[in-house]
Each structure stands twice: as structure tokens, then as C-alpha cells.
Amino acid sequence: MTQCSCLTSKGIQCSRKGSQNPEHTQTFCYQHQKCSTLYKEKQILDKKQQLDKQQLDKKQQLDKKQQLDKKQQLDKKQQLDKQQLDKKQQLDKQQLDKKQQLDKKQQLDKKQQLDKKQQLDKKQQLDKKHQLDKKQLPNQKLPINKKKLIDKTLHPSRQLKALSGPSMFAYYPNVHNKRILLLGEYHSISQLCKQNDTQDPIYEIHKWLNDLVANGPQCVDIFVEHSYLTDQKKIKQNGGKSLSLYSYPLTAIKDEFKNCRTTDIIKKKNCHSDNLRYNYIDLRGFKGITKSSLLHIYLNHNATIVSNPPLKIKLKYQRNKQLLFMYTMGLDRSLYAKTIFDNYILDLLQLIKTNIDPHLMLAQNFEFFKLFWQLIDKQLLKFDPTLNKDLFMSTLFDIAMEAPNWSSLLFVLPQDLYFLLRLFIQFSDDKMERGPQGCHENKVVKNAILHAGSYHTQLYVKFIDKYFGIKPDRDTYVKSSLQSQCIRFKTPFDFFAS
């Protein structure tokens, strides 16, 4: 007997059995003979509703997934667009910086060409005047002295026949109303003058400088490759020893004039001679404060890496060497130029085994440049107004750019820039009394003697030739040579000769 197929008001199938009455429909119980709603239809309906619900859920999930995918694609596109925009802005900035640098260099080149033309025109006018004056002079023969007579009343330091120590000797009787003597050495004590090689009396470099300033008639500025001093550290002076007892000639000069290397105005004023101004010019470091990163690596780790780094480093920075030089000279103090210089330092540090903190190294290097630029700005303010300052700086920059081993020049450039500026400054009126008695009237350098490494000295010879168009006195000029550190003269040399 089957169960009643009718759906009750409670929404469930009737639990009674089908009616046994022959007149009744047996698929319904006696009570639900007029049933209008079958339980089976509800099952079908429920199943349909369940299917509809599943389809709806599936559709909602699909819609949700599509929306999510669409959002992710949109975010990714926006991110790519932002990256492209950032890259474009960066490229635009680099192009702008490059254009500004190019414009700056073109302006310098244009000004340099104009100044050179003016100098050439001036020289041609002077030459023309000299030729005209020569024509107007009476036709007379001048006596010719083939052999220079020795003035026995002069001190021996002014009758120099042999000088032991320098490997290079470049004398200029007149460069912008200055006597300039440039001495170079190879930081070695070998190949000095020997008495058995010559009958002439030999002067050792430190003793000659000592006697010359002590017995000379005028104020002398001696410039020495010696670290820049900013404190009042007491220094013991020895001096007077034989040159052969020192590690190289420059150390003998430093020792001879140690009392002059001071920031104490009174001590400096009374130093050694009333006619001496002693200038320490090695601006690659500030004694007791900080030094350039290049000097730190050179002194404490690997000198060769600084003066002649591997080819891969040179090639990497070949196109940026202009920025490296401009940053060093203070011509470009931008963050971009600093970043290029910092990266150069970091690449050098990777070549050596050191536990030094690179961030500390870069911070110290920036402190050095801030002090260095401050000192350079001070010299530029005092620069001789009769000279072209922009042409002066661009001439040194051009020499640096033309150097075959630019990395070595980058290392020494702070000293060279400072010395050349210092050579052509005007001292302040209110500070003239601070110097030695014999120099009170010399507002500018009149007599300059430099002693430094030959690499520096050769650069100064190039600079004077390129900027002033003047070459060293050919009768006394001795090019730098590793073969000898002994200068001999055909006729006695007097620095103060007119």
C-alpha cells in the first residue's frame, strides 16, 4: 500500500496510507481525496529552485572574479603607466642636466675663445709696437757678453751652479709681473748631485731655499706640497741635516721650514726670515680634521687603485669624467654630480679588502669638499681683477680633460687648483701687517718658488703656457727626468736677476 501523495499545509508529504475504499483514488488517503497539491511537484519545484540558486551563485562568483580581474588589470596598467612616467621624467631630467652642462661648457668655450682672441690681438699690437720702436732706434751695435760675469758681492745662493734634489727646473723671469720658479721631484733620494761629478759647489735644495730667503733682497713666497694646517699643533724643527739623510728632497724642505708651518700669526710673522711667506698647498686633506676619500684610499689601502685604477673603472667613468672634474673644482656642486663622484668612490672601495663603512667614507668625503670649496671660494674672491677668472678656471678644466691618465689628475687636482689661485690673489689691505716685515708692501705675490712632485709641476708649466702663452726660460729649463735629481747651470743662476 502506497503512501499518500498529497502535500499537507505544513509543506510536507502526508504520512497516511492510500485509501482502501474502491470509490476513492488510492494514491491519496481518505482525507485528501480532493488534494490539489502533490508532494512530487514540490520536489520538482525545490529541485528547480535549488538549481536556480546554484546558477545564481555561480553567476555571482563569475561576476565577482571578472570584476577582480578587471581591477587587477587596471591597477597593473596604472602601475606600468606610472613607471613609464617616472622613467620619462628621469630621462627628461638627465637630458635637461646634460643640456645645462653642455650649455655651460659652450658658454665657457665661447668666452675662452673670445678671451684668447683678445689676448692674441693684444699680443699682436704689442709685437707691432715693439717692431716699430725697434725701427725708430738708432742703428747701433750693442755689446754682447757671451760669458756671464760672477758678482762676487752676491751671496752664494744667488750664484747657483749646481742644485741637488729637484728633477725639474722651470724659471719664468716675468709672468704677470711675477718671478716664478717651479721645481719638481720624483719623491726619491736617488740620483742626487755628487761632488766628484763636478768641480762646482753643490747646493742641496733645502739649504739653498734657506739661504736664498735669508739673504735675498725681496719678499719670497715659497709654496710646498705640504698638507693644509688648521690647528695649533706644536711641531719640532730639526733642519740643517744632509739631504741624503731624508727619504726624499720634499721632506728635507718640510723639515727645514717646520717652524713656518703654523696658523699662529705671531710665529708665522717671525718665521725664519723677514722676507719669507711660507705656503702649504696640499689641499687633498685638512690636517687633524678630514681628508678626501681618494687620499684615504691612497695612503691607507692601495695607491695604485687611485692613481691608475683598472681599465673597467676608467671605461665606466670615461663619459662622466667631465662631471668628476667639475665637482672637484666646485664648478658643479649638484646632487647629481655628487652621486656620480660617490659611485666612483664606492667602485674603488669594492676593489680593496676593507671593513670601513662606505656610508661613513662618503660622509667624510662630503665634509672634505665643503671645507675645500669654502677655501676655493675665498681665493676666488681675492683673485687678481686684472685677470679673467672664468678663463682661468676653464683653462685648468681643459688641461684636466685632456690628461691621458685623468684618474691620476682627479686625485691631485685639489692641490693644483688651490696653488694656481693662490699664486694670483691680492692680499687684503687689513691683513698686510700680519705677514713678515719684508712682505708688508707686497699686496700680490712678486717672487714665487714652488717645490712639489713633478706631476704637479708639469701641469703648472702647461697651465702658464696655455693661459699666458709664456714658456720657461730656455737657458735654465730642465724637463722632468727620472735619470737625475741634479740641476747644473752653464752660468751662475740668480733668482733675483732682472
Protein backbone atom coordinates (compact mmCIF):
# COMPACT_ATOMS: atom_id res chain seq x y z
CA MET A 1 0.00 0.00 0.00
CA THR A 2 1.48 3.31 -1.11
CA GLN A 3 1.87 6.49 0.98
CA CYS A 4 -0.49 9.39 0.34
CA SER A 5 0.98 11.65 -2.40
CA CYS A 6 -0.66 14.84 -1.12
CA LEU A 7 1.33 17.82 0.21
CA THR A 8 -0.01 18.99 3.57
CA SER A 9 -0.45 22.59 4.66
CA LYS A 10 2.80 22.25 6.58
CA GLY A 11 4.63 21.69 3.29
CA ILE A 12 5.40 18.02 3.90
CA GLN A 13 4.08 14.76 2.39
CA CYS A 14 1.06 13.23 4.18
CA SER A 15 2.14 10.26 6.31
CA ARG A 16 -1.10 8.25 5.86
CA LYS A 17 -1.54 5.32 3.53
CA GLY A 18 -3.68 5.42 0.41
CA SER A 19 -7.49 4.83 0.93
CA GLN A 20 -8.85 1.22 0.63
CA ASN A 21 -12.24 2.45 -0.43
CA PRO A 22 -12.92 1.23 -4.00
CA GLU A 23 -14.57 4.55 -4.81
CA HIS A 24 -11.56 6.55 -3.70
CA THR A 25 -8.37 7.35 -5.50
CA GLN A 26 -5.92 5.03 -3.86
CA THR A 27 -2.88 7.35 -4.26
CA PHE A 28 -4.47 9.61 -1.62
CA CYS A 29 -5.66 8.88 1.87
CA TYR A 30 -9.38 9.10 2.71
CA GLN A 31 -8.93 12.71 3.92
CA HIS A 32 -7.03 14.06 0.90
CA GLN A 33 -9.19 12.64 -1.90
CA LYS A 34 -9.58 16.17 -3.29
CA CYS A 35 -5.86 17.00 -2.96
CA SER A 36 -4.73 19.71 -5.39
CA THR A 37 -1.04 19.82 -4.50
CA LEU A 38 1.20 16.83 -4.97
CA TYR A 39 4.34 16.31 -2.94
CA LYS A 40 6.14 15.22 -6.08
CA GLU A 41 5.52 18.61 -7.68
CA LYS A 42 7.08 20.26 -4.64
CA GLN A 43 10.17 18.09 -5.01
CA ILE A 44 10.44 19.15 -8.63
CA LEU A 45 9.92 22.77 -7.62
CA ASP A 46 12.51 22.55 -4.84
CA LYS A 47 14.99 20.96 -7.14
CA LYS A 48 14.38 23.67 -9.72
CA GLN A 49 14.80 26.38 -7.08
CA GLN A 50 17.98 24.74 -5.87
CA LEU A 51 19.32 24.64 -9.42
CA ASP A 52 18.32 28.24 -9.93
CA LYS A 53 20.11 29.22 -6.72
CA GLN A 54 23.27 27.32 -7.75
CA GLN A 55 23.24 29.03 -11.13
CA LEU A 56 22.78 32.41 -9.45
CA ASP A 57 25.68 31.74 -7.04
CA LYS A 58 27.86 30.61 -9.91
CA LYS A 59 26.95 33.74 -11.89
CA GLN A 60 27.72 35.98 -8.88
CA GLN A 61 31.11 34.28 -8.36
CA LEU A 62 31.93 34.68 -12.05
CA ASP A 63 30.92 38.35 -11.97
CA LYS A 64 33.00 38.88 -8.84
CA LYS A 65 36.03 37.17 -10.41
CA GLN A 66 35.67 39.24 -13.60
CA GLN A 67 35.47 42.44 -11.57
CA LEU A 68 38.55 41.44 -9.57
CA ASP A 69 40.48 40.54 -12.72
CA LYS A 70 39.44 43.79 -14.33
CA LYS A 71 40.55 45.75 -11.22
CA GLN A 72 43.92 43.92 -11.13
CA GLN A 73 44.49 44.60 -14.83
CA LEU A 74 43.60 48.24 -14.29
CA ASP A 75 45.96 48.51 -11.28
CA LYS A 76 48.74 46.82 -13.25
CA LYS A 77 48.19 49.19 -16.17
CA GLN A 78 48.23 52.20 -13.85
CA GLN A 79 51.45 50.92 -12.23
CA LEU A 80 53.08 50.42 -15.63
CA ASP A 81 51.91 53.87 -16.72
CA LYS A 82 53.41 55.34 -13.52
CA GLN A 83 56.73 53.52 -14.09
CA GLN A 84 56.86 54.75 -17.68
CA LEU A 85 56.05 58.27 -16.50
CA ASP A 86 58.76 58.12 -13.80
CA LYS A 87 61.25 56.78 -16.34
CA LYS A 88 60.31 59.52 -18.80
CA GLN A 89 60.66 62.19 -16.11
CA GLN A 90 64.05 60.75 -15.12
CA LEU A 91 65.19 60.75 -18.76
CA ASP A 92 63.87 64.28 -19.20
CA LYS A 93 65.83 65.37 -16.08
CA GLN A 94 69.01 63.68 -17.35
CA GLN A 95 68.58 65.32 -20.75
CA LEU A 96 67.95 68.68 -19.07
CA ASP A 97 71.03 68.28 -16.85
CA LYS A 98 73.08 67.22 -19.86
CA LYS A 99 71.79 70.19 -21.85
CA GLN A 100 72.57 72.58 -18.99
CA GLN A 101 76.09 71.16 -18.69
CA LEU A 102 76.57 71.40 -22.45
CA ASP A 103 75.26 74.97 -22.45
CA LYS A 104 77.58 75.82 -19.57
CA LYS A 105 80.58 74.30 -21.37
CA GLN A 106 79.64 76.05 -24.64
CA GLN A 107 79.44 79.36 -22.79
CA LEU A 108 82.85 78.70 -21.22
CA ASP A 109 84.31 77.69 -24.61
CA LYS A 110 82.84 80.78 -26.26
CA LYS A 111 84.17 83.05 -23.53
CA GLN A 112 87.55 81.31 -23.68
CA GLN A 113 87.77 81.77 -27.45
CA LEU A 114 86.82 85.44 -27.09
CA ASP A 115 89.41 85.98 -24.35
CA LYS A 116 92.06 84.17 -26.36
CA LYS A 117 91.27 86.36 -29.36
CA GLN A 118 91.55 89.47 -27.19
CA GLN A 119 94.87 88.25 -25.79
CA LEU A 120 96.12 87.45 -29.30
CA ASP A 121 95.05 90.89 -30.57
CA LYS A 122 96.80 92.49 -27.60
CA LYS A 123 99.96 90.45 -28.25
CA GLN A 124 99.91 91.38 -31.94
CA GLN A 125 99.56 95.05 -31.04
CA LEU A 126 102.48 94.80 -28.61
CA ASP A 127 104.60 92.97 -31.20
CA LYS A 128 103.78 95.65 -33.75
CA LYS A 129 104.72 98.36 -31.27
CA HIS A 130 107.98 96.61 -30.42
CA GLN A 131 108.87 96.33 -34.13
CA LEU A 132 108.05 100.00 -34.65
CA ASP A 133 110.15 101.01 -31.63
CA LYS A 134 112.99 98.87 -32.90
CA LYS A 135 112.90 100.62 -36.28
CA GLN A 136 112.99 104.03 -34.60
CA LEU A 137 116.08 103.17 -32.51
CA PRO A 138 119.45 104.46 -33.84
CA ASN A 139 121.50 101.92 -35.74
CA GLN A 140 123.99 100.91 -33.08
CA LYS A 141 125.74 97.74 -32.05
CA LEU A 142 125.17 96.53 -28.51
CA PRO A 143 127.96 94.81 -26.60
CA ILE A 144 127.42 91.05 -26.30
CA ASN A 145 128.52 89.20 -23.17
CA LYS A 146 128.93 85.57 -24.11
CA LYS A 147 130.07 84.70 -20.62
CA LYS A 148 128.12 85.90 -17.63
CA LEU A 149 130.35 87.56 -15.07
CA ILE A 150 130.06 86.46 -11.45
CA ASP A 151 129.28 89.23 -8.99
CA LYS A 152 131.49 88.29 -6.05
CA THR A 153 129.49 90.57 -3.75
CA LEU A 154 126.40 88.35 -4.09
CA HIS A 155 125.70 85.59 -1.61
CA PRO A 156 126.49 82.08 -2.96
CA SER A 157 122.76 81.27 -3.02
CA ARG A 158 122.48 83.87 -5.80
CA GLN A 159 125.34 82.35 -7.80
CA LEU A 160 123.94 78.87 -8.12
CA LYS A 161 125.94 76.40 -10.19
CA ALA A 162 124.56 73.01 -9.08
CA LEU A 163 121.31 72.23 -7.24
CA SER A 164 120.79 68.81 -5.67
CA GLY A 165 117.25 67.47 -5.15
CA PRO A 166 114.95 68.65 -7.98
CA SER A 167 114.49 66.65 -11.17
CA MET A 168 112.75 69.56 -12.91
CA PHE A 169 113.58 73.28 -13.08
CA ALA A 170 111.29 75.81 -14.82
CA TYR A 171 112.10 79.51 -14.31
CA TYR A 172 109.92 82.40 -15.50
CA PRO A 173 111.52 85.87 -15.19
CA ASN A 174 108.15 87.57 -15.73
CA VAL A 175 104.66 86.12 -15.63
CA HIS A 176 102.15 88.90 -14.98
CA ASN A 177 104.88 90.85 -13.13
CA LYS A 178 105.99 87.85 -11.09
CA ARG A 179 109.19 85.84 -10.94
CA ILE A 180 108.16 82.20 -10.76
CA LEU A 181 110.39 79.17 -10.22
CA LEU A 182 108.74 75.74 -10.46
CA LEU A 183 110.74 72.83 -9.00
CA GLY A 184 109.69 69.19 -9.34
CA GLU A 185 110.90 65.92 -7.88
CA TYR A 186 110.05 62.20 -8.05
CA HIS A 187 109.92 61.69 -4.25
CA SER A 188 113.19 59.79 -4.31
CA ILE A 189 116.65 60.36 -2.82
CA SER A 190 118.49 58.69 -5.70
CA GLN A 191 120.50 60.37 -8.48
CA LEU A 192 121.47 63.39 -6.38
CA CYS A 193 124.43 65.63 -7.24
CA LYS A 194 127.84 64.15 -6.38
CA GLN A 195 130.85 66.33 -5.76
CA ASN A 196 133.15 64.11 -7.78
CA ASP A 197 130.89 64.68 -10.84
CA THR A 198 131.52 68.42 -10.87
CA GLN A 199 134.01 70.99 -9.61
CA ASP A 200 131.20 73.49 -8.97
CA PRO A 201 129.94 73.96 -5.40
CA ILE A 202 126.72 71.96 -4.81
CA TYR A 203 123.71 73.42 -3.02
CA GLU A 204 121.19 71.00 -1.52
CA ILE A 205 117.64 72.18 -2.18
CA HIS A 206 116.54 72.80 1.42
CA LYS A 207 119.74 74.69 2.30
CA TRP A 208 119.56 76.75 -0.89
CA LEU A 209 115.99 77.87 -0.15
CA ASN A 210 117.03 78.67 3.42
CA ASP A 211 119.97 80.83 2.33
CA LEU A 212 118.11 82.46 -0.54
CA VAL A 213 115.25 83.84 1.58
CA ALA A 214 117.66 84.79 4.37
CA ASN A 215 119.96 86.74 2.05
CA GLY A 216 117.63 87.83 -0.75
CA PRO A 217 116.66 91.49 -1.30
CA GLN A 218 112.89 90.93 -1.65
CA CYS A 219 109.94 89.07 -0.19
CA VAL A 220 109.67 85.46 -1.39
CA ASP A 221 106.59 83.21 -1.33
CA ILE A 222 107.60 79.55 -1.02
CA PHE A 223 104.85 77.06 -1.94
CA VAL A 224 105.40 73.49 -0.72
CA GLU A 225 103.41 70.29 -1.26
CA HIS A 226 102.56 70.07 2.43
CA SER A 227 99.19 69.16 3.99
CA TYR A 228 96.95 72.10 4.87
CA LEU A 229 97.09 73.00 8.57
CA THR A 230 94.10 74.23 10.56
CA ASP A 231 95.17 73.69 14.20
CA GLN A 232 97.93 74.95 16.51
CA LYS A 233 99.78 71.66 16.78
CA LYS A 234 103.34 72.15 18.03
CA ILE A 235 105.93 70.90 15.56
CA LYS A 236 109.55 70.16 16.37
CA GLN A 237 112.04 71.51 13.84
CA ASN A 238 115.32 69.77 13.07
CA GLY A 239 116.74 71.14 9.80
CA GLY A 240 120.34 71.52 8.75
CA LYS A 241 120.84 67.82 8.00
CA SER A 242 122.33 66.48 4.81
CA LEU A 243 119.83 65.82 2.01
CA SER A 244 120.89 62.18 1.81
CA LEU A 245 119.57 61.59 5.35
CA TYR A 246 115.98 62.28 4.29
CA SER A 247 113.57 59.97 2.48
CA TYR A 248 113.28 62.47 -0.41
CA PRO A 249 114.01 66.19 -1.04
CA LEU A 250 110.50 67.40 -0.20
CA THR A 251 110.80 66.01 3.36
CA ALA A 252 114.06 67.95 3.79
CA ILE A 253 112.28 71.20 2.81
CA LYS A 254 109.39 70.45 5.16
CA ASP A 255 111.84 69.85 7.99
CA GLU A 256 113.89 72.98 7.19
CA PHE A 257 110.81 75.22 7.39
CA LYS A 258 108.76 73.40 10.04
CA ASN A 259 108.54 76.48 12.26
CA CYS A 260 106.82 78.28 9.38
CA ARG A 261 104.05 75.71 9.13
CA THR A 262 101.74 77.21 11.75
CA THR A 263 98.42 79.02 12.00
CA ASP A 264 99.81 81.24 14.77
CA ILE A 265 100.09 84.71 13.21
CA ILE A 266 102.93 85.85 15.51
CA LYS A 267 105.02 82.72 14.90
CA LYS A 268 104.39 82.86 11.16
CA LYS A 269 105.35 86.56 11.08
CA ASN A 270 108.68 85.87 12.79
CA CYS A 271 109.37 82.64 10.93
CA HIS A 272 112.84 82.06 9.57
CA SER A 273 113.26 85.36 7.71
CA ASP A 274 111.62 88.78 7.39
CA ASN A 275 111.35 88.10 3.64
CA LEU A 276 109.55 84.76 3.69
CA ARG A 277 105.88 83.82 3.32
CA TYR A 278 105.57 80.02 3.64
CA ASN A 279 102.51 78.47 1.92
CA TYR A 280 101.42 74.85 2.46
CA ILE A 281 99.27 73.95 -0.51
CA ASP A 282 98.36 70.24 -0.42
CA LEU A 283 94.58 70.61 -0.20
CA ARG A 284 93.77 66.90 -0.52
CA GLY A 285 93.26 66.87 3.23
CA PHE A 286 92.86 69.14 6.25
CA LYS A 287 95.35 68.11 8.94
CA GLY A 288 93.56 66.75 12.01
CA ILE A 289 90.05 67.28 10.57
CA THR A 290 89.28 65.33 7.41
CA LYS A 291 90.70 64.21 4.08
CA SER A 292 89.35 63.28 0.67
CA SER A 293 88.30 59.65 0.19
CA LEU A 294 90.81 59.34 -2.65
CA LEU A 295 93.64 60.40 -0.33
CA HIS A 296 92.39 57.99 2.37
CA ILE A 297 92.45 55.06 -0.05
CA TYR A 298 95.81 56.19 -1.47
CA LEU A 299 97.52 56.40 1.94
CA ASN A 300 95.85 53.54 3.82
CA HIS A 301 94.94 50.89 1.25
CA ASN A 302 96.14 50.94 -2.35
CA ALA A 303 97.83 53.92 -4.02
CA THR A 304 97.75 52.34 -7.48
CA ILE A 305 93.96 51.94 -7.49
CA VAL A 306 93.63 55.71 -7.00
CA SER A 307 96.34 56.90 -9.42
CA ASN A 308 95.73 54.24 -12.06
CA PRO A 309 92.54 52.20 -11.48
CA PRO A 310 91.68 49.12 -13.57
CA LEU A 311 90.61 49.71 -17.18
CA LYS A 312 86.99 48.69 -16.48
CA ILE A 313 86.67 51.55 -13.95
CA LYS A 314 88.22 54.06 -16.36
CA LEU A 315 85.92 52.99 -19.18
CA LYS A 316 82.85 53.09 -16.92
CA TYR A 317 83.51 56.72 -15.89
CA GLN A 318 85.08 57.97 -19.12
CA ARG A 319 81.87 59.71 -20.20
CA ASN A 320 81.37 61.15 -16.70
CA LYS A 321 84.91 62.41 -16.13
CA GLN A 322 83.71 65.92 -17.02
CA LEU A 323 81.32 65.83 -14.05
CA LEU A 324 84.01 64.36 -11.77
CA PHE A 325 86.36 67.26 -12.60
CA MET A 326 83.61 69.89 -12.35
CA TYR A 327 82.53 68.53 -8.95
CA THR A 328 86.13 68.54 -7.68
CA MET A 329 86.71 72.12 -8.82
CA GLY A 330 83.37 73.26 -7.38
CA LEU A 331 82.01 74.19 -10.82
CA ASP A 332 79.11 71.74 -10.37
CA ARG A 333 78.02 71.10 -6.77
CA SER A 334 74.68 69.48 -7.66
CA LEU A 335 73.33 66.31 -6.08
CA TYR A 336 73.65 64.55 -9.42
CA ALA A 337 77.37 65.38 -9.67
CA LYS A 338 77.87 64.28 -6.04
CA THR A 339 76.14 60.96 -6.81
CA ILE A 340 78.49 60.29 -9.75
CA PHE A 341 81.54 61.06 -7.56
CA ASP A 342 80.19 58.90 -4.69
CA ASN A 343 79.63 55.98 -7.07
CA TYR A 344 83.23 56.34 -8.29
CA ILE A 345 84.47 56.09 -4.67
CA LEU A 346 82.24 53.07 -3.97
CA ASP A 347 83.55 51.27 -7.08
CA LEU A 348 87.13 51.84 -5.89
CA LEU A 349 86.24 50.56 -2.40
CA GLN A 350 84.93 47.31 -3.90
CA LEU A 351 88.41 46.64 -5.31
CA ILE A 352 90.11 46.66 -1.89
CA LYS A 353 89.61 44.49 1.18
CA THR A 354 88.47 46.87 3.89
CA ASN A 355 85.88 46.85 6.64
CA ILE A 356 85.36 50.60 6.50
CA ASP A 357 81.74 51.75 6.41
CA PRO A 358 81.14 53.11 2.87
CA HIS A 359 78.44 55.49 4.13
CA LEU A 360 80.90 56.94 6.66
CA MET A 361 83.53 57.26 3.93
CA LEU A 362 81.12 59.19 1.68
CA ALA A 363 80.02 61.43 4.55
CA GLN A 364 83.65 62.29 5.37
CA ASN A 365 84.34 62.94 1.68
CA PHE A 366 81.43 65.40 1.52
CA GLU A 367 82.72 67.17 4.65
CA PHE A 368 86.12 67.47 2.94
CA PHE A 369 84.62 69.02 -0.19
CA LYS A 370 82.56 71.51 1.81
CA LEU A 371 85.75 72.76 3.53
CA PHE A 372 87.71 72.67 0.26
CA TRP A 373 85.09 74.62 -1.72
CA GLN A 374 84.87 77.17 1.10
CA LEU A 375 88.63 77.77 0.81
CA ILE A 376 88.49 77.92 -3.01
CA ASP A 377 85.62 80.44 -2.88
CA LYS A 378 87.75 82.54 -0.55
CA GLN A 379 90.64 82.56 -3.07
CA LEU A 380 88.26 83.43 -5.93
CA LEU A 381 87.03 86.48 -4.01
CA LYS A 382 90.65 87.67 -3.70
CA PHE A 383 91.57 86.76 -7.30
CA ASP A 384 93.51 89.38 -9.28
CA PRO A 385 90.82 91.53 -11.01
CA THR A 386 93.15 92.20 -13.96
CA LEU A 387 92.92 88.52 -14.93
CA ASN A 388 89.94 86.70 -16.42
CA LYS A 389 88.63 84.42 -13.68
CA ASP A 390 86.34 82.31 -15.89
CA LEU A 391 89.08 81.75 -18.47
CA PHE A 392 91.48 80.86 -15.66
CA MET A 393 89.15 78.11 -14.37
CA SER A 394 88.20 76.82 -17.81
CA THR A 395 91.89 76.60 -18.83
CA LEU A 396 92.66 74.32 -15.88
CA PHE A 397 89.50 72.33 -16.61
CA ASP A 398 90.55 71.83 -20.26
CA ILE A 399 94.01 70.63 -19.18
CA ALA A 400 92.36 68.13 -16.84
CA MET A 401 90.04 66.86 -19.57
CA GLU A 402 92.99 66.40 -21.96
CA ALA A 403 95.10 64.42 -19.45
CA PRO A 404 95.90 60.87 -20.71
CA ASN A 405 95.53 59.45 -17.19
CA TRP A 406 92.57 61.51 -15.98
CA SER A 407 92.08 59.45 -12.79
CA SER A 408 95.53 60.42 -11.53
CA LEU A 409 94.84 64.10 -12.23
CA LEU A 410 91.48 63.83 -10.44
CA PHE A 411 93.42 62.78 -7.32
CA VAL A 412 95.90 65.70 -7.38
CA LEU A 413 93.54 68.41 -8.72
CA PRO A 414 92.59 69.97 -5.31
CA GLN A 415 96.25 70.93 -4.70
CA ASP A 416 96.75 72.23 -8.24
CA LEU A 417 93.61 74.38 -8.23
CA TYR A 418 94.46 75.90 -4.84
CA PHE A 419 98.09 76.67 -5.74
CA LEU A 420 97.29 78.35 -9.08
CA LEU A 421 94.58 80.50 -7.47
CA ARG A 422 96.82 81.33 -4.51
CA LEU A 423 99.59 82.40 -6.88
CA PHE A 424 97.37 85.10 -8.41
CA ILE A 425 95.43 86.55 -5.47
CA GLN A 426 95.57 90.01 -3.92
CA PHE A 427 96.07 90.09 -0.15
CA SER A 428 93.61 92.15 1.90
CA ASP A 429 94.85 95.60 2.97
CA ASP A 430 93.85 94.99 6.59
CA LYS A 431 95.97 91.82 6.74
CA MET A 432 99.20 93.11 5.21
CA GLU A 433 100.70 93.88 8.64
CA ARG A 434 100.19 90.27 9.71
CA GLY A 435 102.89 88.95 7.38
CA PRO A 436 106.70 89.18 7.64
CA GLN A 437 108.17 92.68 7.76
CA GLY A 438 109.77 92.43 4.33
CA CYS A 439 106.44 91.46 2.71
CA HIS A 440 104.26 94.31 4.02
CA GLU A 441 104.44 96.17 0.71
CA ASN A 442 103.70 93.11 -1.43
CA LYS A 443 99.94 93.04 -1.88
CA VAL A 444 100.44 90.36 -4.54
CA VAL A 445 102.95 87.54 -4.92
CA LYS A 446 106.06 89.00 -6.60
CA ASN A 447 108.60 86.19 -6.18
CA ALA A 448 107.27 82.63 -6.09
CA ILE A 449 109.17 79.38 -5.66
CA LEU A 450 107.23 76.11 -5.73
CA HIS A 451 108.57 72.68 -4.80
CA ALA A 452 106.27 69.71 -5.39
CA GLY A 453 106.08 66.37 -7.14
CA SER A 454 107.00 66.57 -10.83
CA TYR A 455 103.47 65.51 -11.84
CA HIS A 456 102.13 68.73 -10.29
CA THR A 457 104.94 70.89 -11.68
CA GLN A 458 104.46 69.67 -15.26
CA LEU A 459 100.78 70.65 -15.04
CA TYR A 460 101.71 74.20 -13.89
CA VAL A 461 104.08 74.58 -16.85
CA LYS A 462 101.22 73.56 -19.18
CA PHE A 463 98.86 76.00 -17.49
CA ILE A 464 101.20 79.02 -17.75
CA ASP A 465 101.84 78.17 -21.41
CA LYS A 466 98.13 77.78 -22.21
CA TYR A 467 96.78 80.75 -20.22
CA PHE A 468 99.61 83.31 -20.53
CA GLY A 469 101.34 81.99 -23.65
CA ILE A 470 104.69 82.01 -21.82
CA LYS A 471 107.29 79.23 -21.75
CA PRO A 472 110.07 78.73 -19.17
CA ASP A 473 113.42 80.46 -19.61
CA ARG A 474 115.09 78.22 -22.17
CA ASP A 475 118.62 78.81 -20.84
CA THR A 476 117.78 77.24 -17.47
CA TYR A 477 114.80 74.99 -18.28
CA VAL A 478 115.30 71.34 -17.28
CA LYS A 479 112.49 68.93 -18.11
CA SER A 480 111.47 66.34 -15.56
CA SER A 481 113.65 63.23 -15.68
CA LEU A 482 113.90 60.03 -13.68
CA GLN A 483 117.58 59.83 -14.61
CA SER A 484 118.77 62.70 -12.43
CA GLN A 485 117.86 64.85 -9.45
CA CYS A 486 120.74 67.22 -10.01
CA ILE A 487 120.37 70.55 -11.85
CA ARG A 488 123.54 72.10 -13.32
CA PHE A 489 123.82 75.58 -14.83
CA LYS A 490 126.14 76.77 -17.59
CA THR A 491 126.30 80.22 -15.99
CA PRO A 492 125.56 81.07 -12.33
CA PHE A 493 121.82 81.33 -11.67
CA ASP A 494 120.44 84.25 -9.68
CA PHE A 495 116.73 84.01 -8.91
CA PHE A 496 116.51 87.79 -8.33
CA ALA A 497 118.29 88.76 -11.55
CA SER A 498 116.28 91.29 -13.57
